[in-house]
PDB file of N, CA and C in Angstrom:
ATOM      1  N   MET A   1       6.924   7.068  51.839  1.00  0.00           N
ATOM      2  CA  MET A   1       6.811   6.598  50.476  1.00  0.00           C
ATOM      3  C   MET A   1       5.354   6.604  50.063  1.00  0.00           C
ATOM      4  N   GLY A   2       5.110   6.959  48.818  1.00  0.00           N
ATOM      5  CA  GLY A   2       3.745   7.017  48.313  1.00  0.00           C
ATOM      6  C   GLY A   2       3.279   5.691  47.748  1.00  0.00           C
ATOM      7  N   GLU A   3       1.999   5.638  47.560  1.00  0.00           N
ATOM      8  CA  GLU A   3       1.380   4.448  46.979  1.00  0.00           C
ATOM      9  C   GLU A   3       1.612   4.437  45.467  1.00  0.00           C
ATOM     10  N   ILE A   4       1.794   3.258  44.906  1.00  0.00           N
ATOM     11  CA  ILE A   4       1.950   3.127  43.456  1.00  0.00           C
ATOM     12  C   ILE A   4       0.658   3.610  42.805  1.00  0.00           C
ATOM     13  N   SER A   5       0.775   4.384  41.733  1.00  0.00           N
ATOM     14  CA  SER A   5      -0.433   4.918  41.112  1.00  0.00           C
ATOM     15  C   SER A   5      -0.671   4.407  39.693  1.00  0.00           C
ATOM     16  N   ARG A   6       0.283   3.649  39.147  1.00  0.00           N
ATOM     17  CA  ARG A   6       0.121   3.051  37.815  1.00  0.00           C
ATOM     18  C   ARG A   6       0.246   1.545  37.947  1.00  0.00           C
ATOM     19  N   PHE A   7      -0.608   0.856  37.215  1.00  0.00           N
ATOM     20  CA  PHE A   7      -0.682  -0.591  37.378  1.00  0.00           C
ATOM     21  C   PHE A   7      -0.656  -1.299  36.041  1.00  0.00           C
ATOM     22  N   ARG A   8      -0.054  -2.451  36.026  1.00  0.00           N
ATOM     23  CA  ARG A   8       0.013  -3.297  34.829  1.00  0.00           C
ATOM     24  C   ARG A   8      -0.979  -4.448  35.003  1.00  0.00           C
ATOM     25  N   PRO A   9      -1.387  -5.065  33.882  1.00  0.00           N
ATOM     26  CA  PRO A   9      -2.281  -6.222  33.980  1.00  0.00           C
ATOM     27  C   PRO A   9      -1.718  -7.270  34.954  1.00  0.00           C
ATOM     28  N   GLY A  10      -2.598  -7.791  35.800  1.00  0.00           N
ATOM     29  CA  GLY A  10      -2.191  -8.793  36.782  1.00  0.00           C
ATOM     30  C   GLY A  10      -1.901  -8.218  38.153  1.00  0.00           C
ATOM     31  N   HIS A  11      -1.548  -6.918  38.238  1.00  0.00           N
ATOM     32  CA  HIS A  11      -1.375  -6.292  39.554  1.00  0.00           C
ATOM     33  C   HIS A  11      -2.716  -6.313  40.266  1.00  0.00           C
ATOM     34  N   LYS A  12      -2.709  -6.184  41.580  1.00  0.00           N
ATOM     35  CA  LYS A  12      -3.939  -6.167  42.371  1.00  0.00           C
ATOM     36  C   LYS A  12      -4.353  -4.722  42.659  1.00  0.00           C
ATOM     37  N   ALA A  13      -5.652  -4.445  42.554  1.00  0.00           N
ATOM     38  CA  ALA A  13      -6.173  -3.108  42.839  1.00  0.00           C
ATOM     39  C   ALA A  13      -5.973  -2.785  44.320  1.00  0.00           C
ATOM     40  N   PRO A  14      -5.400  -1.616  44.631  1.00  0.00           N
ATOM     41  CA  PRO A  14      -5.164  -1.265  46.031  1.00  0.00           C
ATOM     42  C   PRO A  14      -6.436  -0.812  46.750  1.00  0.00           C
ATOM     43  N   ASN A  15      -7.422  -0.349  45.989  1.00  0.00           N
ATOM     44  CA  ASN A  15      -8.671   0.163  46.560  1.00  0.00           C
ATOM     45  C   ASN A  15      -9.816  -0.091  45.590  1.00  0.00           C
ATOM     46  N   ASP A  16     -11.044  -0.045  46.124  1.00  0.00           N
ATOM     47  CA  ASP A  16     -12.222  -0.100  45.264  1.00  0.00           C
ATOM     48  C   ASP A  16     -12.226   1.138  44.381  1.00  0.00           C
ATOM     49  N   GLY A  17     -12.700   0.999  43.160  1.00  0.00           N
ATOM     50  CA  GLY A  17     -12.822   2.176  42.314  1.00  0.00           C
ATOM     51  C   GLY A  17     -12.880   1.857  40.846  1.00  0.00           C
ATOM     52  N   ILE A  18     -12.957   2.920  40.054  1.00  0.00           N
ATOM     53  CA  ILE A  18     -12.951   2.809  38.601  1.00  0.00           C
ATOM     54  C   ILE A  18     -11.552   3.156  38.128  1.00  0.00           C
ATOM     55  N   TYR A  19     -11.014   2.301  37.277  1.00  0.00           N
ATOM     56  CA  TYR A  19      -9.666   2.490  36.745  1.00  0.00           C
ATOM     57  C   TYR A  19      -9.760   2.636  35.231  1.00  0.00           C
ATOM     58  N   ILE A  20      -8.859   3.451  34.667  1.00  0.00           N
ATOM     59  CA  ILE A  20      -8.898   3.782  33.249  1.00  0.00           C
ATOM     60  C   ILE A  20      -7.513   3.594  32.644  1.00  0.00           C
ATOM     61  N   GLU A  21      -7.470   3.235  31.362  1.00  0.00           N
ATOM     62  CA  GLU A  21      -6.195   3.064  30.659  1.00  0.00           C
ATOM     63  C   GLU A  21      -5.562   4.412  30.331  1.00  0.00           C
ATOM     64  N   VAL A  22      -4.238   4.478  30.456  1.00  0.00           N
ATOM     65  CA  VAL A  22      -3.460   5.627  29.981  1.00  0.00           C
ATOM     66  C   VAL A  22      -2.228   5.082  29.283  1.00  0.00           C
ATOM     67  N   GLY A  23      -1.561   5.947  28.518  1.00  0.00           N
ATOM     68  CA  GLY A  23      -0.300   5.565  27.896  1.00  0.00           C
ATOM     69  C   GLY A  23       0.791   5.448  28.942  1.00  0.00           C
ATOM     70  N   GLU A  24       1.918   4.865  28.583  1.00  0.00           N
ATOM     71  CA  GLU A  24       3.014   4.659  29.528  1.00  0.00           C
ATOM     72  C   GLU A  24       3.510   5.945  30.176  1.00  0.00           C
ATOM     73  N   GLN A  25       3.454   7.045  29.442  1.00  0.00           N
ATOM     74  CA  GLN A  25       3.920   8.317  29.982  1.00  0.00           C
ATOM     75  C   GLN A  25       2.810   9.094  30.688  1.00  0.00           C
ATOM     76  N   GLY A  26       1.646   8.478  30.859  1.00  0.00           N
ATOM     77  CA  GLY A  26       0.534   9.126  31.539  1.00  0.00           C
ATOM     78  C   GLY A  26      -0.370   9.907  30.608  1.00  0.00           C
ATOM     79  N   ASP A  27      -0.074   9.853  29.303  1.00  0.00           N
ATOM     80  CA  ASP A  27      -0.912  10.573  28.344  1.00  0.00           C
ATOM     81  C   ASP A  27      -2.232   9.846  28.144  1.00  0.00           C
ATOM     82  N   SER A  28      -3.269  10.624  27.846  1.00  0.00           N
ATOM     83  CA  SER A  28      -4.582  10.016  27.632  1.00  0.00           C
ATOM     84  C   SER A  28      -4.627   9.323  26.276  1.00  0.00           C
ATOM     85  N   VAL A  29      -5.541   8.394  26.144  1.00  0.00           N
ATOM     86  CA  VAL A  29      -5.688   7.621  24.910  1.00  0.00           C
ATOM     87  C   VAL A  29      -7.125   7.757  24.424  1.00  0.00           C
ATOM     88  N   MET A  30      -7.320   7.580  23.116  1.00  0.00           N
ATOM     89  CA  MET A  30      -8.678   7.643  22.569  1.00  0.00           C
ATOM     90  C   MET A  30      -9.437   6.373  22.948  1.00  0.00           C
ATOM     91  N   ASN A  31     -10.672   6.541  23.386  1.00  0.00           N
ATOM     92  CA  ASN A  31     -11.544   5.424  23.764  1.00  0.00           C
ATOM     93  C   ASN A  31     -10.875   4.448  24.729  1.00  0.00           C
ATOM     94  N   PRO A  32     -10.417   4.943  25.887  1.00  0.00           N
ATOM     95  CA  PRO A  32      -9.750   4.047  26.839  1.00  0.00           C
ATOM     96  C   PRO A  32     -10.738   3.078  27.486  1.00  0.00           C
ATOM     97  N   LYS A  33     -10.241   1.899  27.827  1.00  0.00           N
ATOM     98  CA  LYS A  33     -11.048   0.948  28.592  1.00  0.00           C
ATOM     99  C   LYS A  33     -11.198   1.500  30.003  1.00  0.00           C
ATOM    100  N   GLN A  34     -12.323   1.190  30.641  1.00  0.00           N
ATOM    101  CA  GLN A  34     -12.548   1.507  32.045  1.00  0.00           C
ATOM    102  C   GLN A  34     -13.062   0.245  32.724  1.00  0.00           C
ATOM    103  N   VAL A  35     -12.615   0.016  33.947  1.00  0.00           N
ATOM    104  CA  VAL A  35     -13.085  -1.140  34.716  1.00  0.00           C
ATOM    105  C   VAL A  35     -13.368  -0.723  36.146  1.00  0.00           C
ATOM    106  N   ARG A  36     -14.357  -1.348  36.741  1.00  0.00           N
ATOM    107  CA  ARG A  36     -14.645  -1.147  38.163  1.00  0.00           C
ATOM    108  C   ARG A  36     -14.071  -2.354  38.889  1.00  0.00           C
ATOM    109  N   LEU A  37     -13.170  -2.095  39.837  1.00  0.00           N
ATOM    110  CA  LEU A  37     -12.524  -3.171  40.579  1.00  0.00           C
ATOM    111  C   LEU A  37     -12.722  -2.990  42.075  1.00  0.00           C
ATOM    112  N   ALA A  38     -12.764  -4.089  42.785  1.00  0.00           N
ATOM    113  CA  ALA A  38     -12.768  -4.076  44.241  1.00  0.00           C
ATOM    114  C   ALA A  38     -11.327  -4.264  44.708  1.00  0.00           C
ATOM    115  N   LYS A  39     -11.039  -3.826  45.911  1.00  0.00           N
ATOM    116  CA  LYS A  39      -9.699  -3.976  46.470  1.00  0.00           C
ATOM    117  C   LYS A  39      -9.266  -5.438  46.359  1.00  0.00           C
ATOM    118  N   GLY A  40      -8.077  -5.658  45.779  1.00  0.00           N
ATOM    119  CA  GLY A  40      -7.541  -7.004  45.639  1.00  0.00           C
ATOM    120  C   GLY A  40      -7.839  -7.673  44.311  1.00  0.00           C
ATOM    121  N   ASP A  41      -8.763  -7.117  43.523  1.00  0.00           N
ATOM    122  CA  ASP A  41      -9.062  -7.683  42.202  1.00  0.00           C
ATOM    123  C   ASP A  41      -7.862  -7.473  41.275  1.00  0.00           C
ATOM    124  N   PRO A  42      -7.570  -8.430  40.400  1.00  0.00           N
ATOM    125  CA  PRO A  42      -6.467  -8.242  39.446  1.00  0.00           C
ATOM    126  C   PRO A  42      -6.883  -7.336  38.292  1.00  0.00           C
ATOM    127  N   PHE A  43      -5.940  -6.539  37.815  1.00  0.00           N
ATOM    128  CA  PHE A  43      -6.193  -5.687  36.658  1.00  0.00           C
ATOM    129  C   PHE A  43      -6.241  -6.558  35.404  1.00  0.00           C
ATOM    130  N   PRO A  44      -7.201  -6.293  34.508  1.00  0.00           N
ATOM    131  CA  PRO A  44      -7.283  -7.054  33.255  1.00  0.00           C
ATOM    132  C   PRO A  44      -6.231  -6.582  32.256  1.00  0.00           C
ATOM    133  N   GLU A  45      -6.169  -7.271  31.136  1.00  0.00           N
ATOM    134  CA  GLU A  45      -5.269  -6.866  30.057  1.00  0.00           C
ATOM    135  C   GLU A  45      -5.689  -5.503  29.525  1.00  0.00           C
ATOM    136  N   THR A  46      -4.717  -4.732  29.069  1.00  0.00           N
ATOM    137  CA  THR A  46      -4.995  -3.444  28.441  1.00  0.00           C
ATOM    138  C   THR A  46      -5.168  -3.662  26.943  1.00  0.00           C
ATOM    139  N   SER A  47      -5.570  -2.598  26.229  1.00  0.00           N
ATOM    140  CA  SER A  47      -5.785  -2.701  24.786  1.00  0.00           C
ATOM    141  C   SER A  47      -4.494  -2.976  24.026  1.00  0.00           C
ATOM    142  N   ASN A  48      -3.362  -2.503  24.568  1.00  0.00           N
ATOM    143  CA  ASN A  48      -2.066  -2.855  23.993  1.00  0.00           C
ATOM    144  C   ASN A  48      -1.003  -2.815  25.089  1.00  0.00           C
ATOM    145  N   HIS A  49       0.162  -3.365  24.807  1.00  0.00           N
ATOM    146  CA  HIS A  49       1.203  -3.524  25.831  1.00  0.00           C
ATOM    147  C   HIS A  49       1.816  -2.210  26.297  1.00  0.00           C
ATOM    148  N   ASN A  50       1.546  -1.107  25.605  1.00  0.00           N
ATOM    149  CA  ASN A  50       2.102   0.190  25.999  1.00  0.00           C
ATOM    150  C   ASN A  50       1.203   0.958  26.960  1.00  0.00           C
ATOM    151  N   ARG A  51       0.139   0.340  27.431  1.00  0.00           N
ATOM    152  CA  ARG A  51      -0.792   1.031  28.322  1.00  0.00           C
ATOM    153  C   ARG A  51      -0.724   0.496  29.740  1.00  0.00           C
ATOM    154  N   GLN A  52      -1.171   1.336  30.661  1.00  0.00           N
ATOM    155  CA  GLN A  52      -1.234   1.003  32.073  1.00  0.00           C
ATOM    156  C   GLN A  52      -2.586   1.451  32.614  1.00  0.00           C
ATOM    157  N   TRP A  53      -2.891   1.057  33.841  1.00  0.00           N
ATOM    158  CA  TRP A  53      -4.129   1.448  34.501  1.00  0.00           C
ATOM    159  C   TRP A  53      -3.834   2.496  35.567  1.00  0.00           C
ATOM    160  N   ILE A  54      -4.729   3.510  35.696  1.00  0.00           N
ATOM    161  CA  ILE A  54      -4.673   4.456  36.803  1.00  0.00           C
ATOM    162  C   ILE A  54      -6.080   4.603  37.344  1.00  0.00           C
ATOM    163  N   LYS A  55      -6.195   5.076  38.588  1.00  0.00           N
ATOM    164  CA  LYS A  55      -7.526   5.291  39.170  1.00  0.00           C
ATOM    165  C   LYS A  55      -8.121   6.540  38.547  1.00  0.00           C
ATOM    166  N   LYS A  56      -9.372   6.428  38.122  1.00  0.00           N
ATOM    167  CA  LYS A  56     -10.082   7.551  37.524  1.00  0.00           C
ATOM    168  C   LYS A  56     -10.427   8.549  38.631  1.00  0.00           C
ATOM    169  N   GLU A  57     -10.170   9.818  38.377  1.00  0.00           N
ATOM    170  CA  GLU A  57     -10.470  10.848  39.364  1.00  0.00           C
ATOM    171  C   GLU A  57     -11.964  11.018  39.500  1.00  0.00           C
ATOM    172  N   GLN A  58     -12.405  11.170  40.726  1.00  0.00           N
ATOM    173  CA  GLN A  58     -13.825  11.379  41.000  1.00  0.00           C
ATOM    174  C   GLN A  58     -14.083  12.869  41.144  1.00  0.00           C
ATOM    175  N   HIS A  59     -15.027  13.373  40.377  1.00  0.00           N
ATOM    176  CA  HIS A  59     -15.404  14.790  40.465  1.00  0.00           C
ATOM    177  C   HIS A  59     -16.806  14.886  41.046  1.00  0.00           C
ATOM    178  N   ASN A  60     -16.947  15.646  42.113  1.00  0.00           N
ATOM    179  CA  ASN A  60     -18.269  15.792  42.749  1.00  0.00           C
ATOM    180  C   ASN A  60     -18.958  17.030  42.251  1.00  0.00           C
TER     181      ASN A  60
END
């Protein structure tokens, strides 16, 4: 089984990283919130109830 990749406010971050808001269907949103969380930190509220948090991809 895979790790959950979408999170709602109040869920705990599974890993350290930067997380970004997306729409419920995974679509991008204009001016999304971004947060840096440590493992175990709770996700904050999103801009509206139809959004979720995902880990921002790191590009080297």
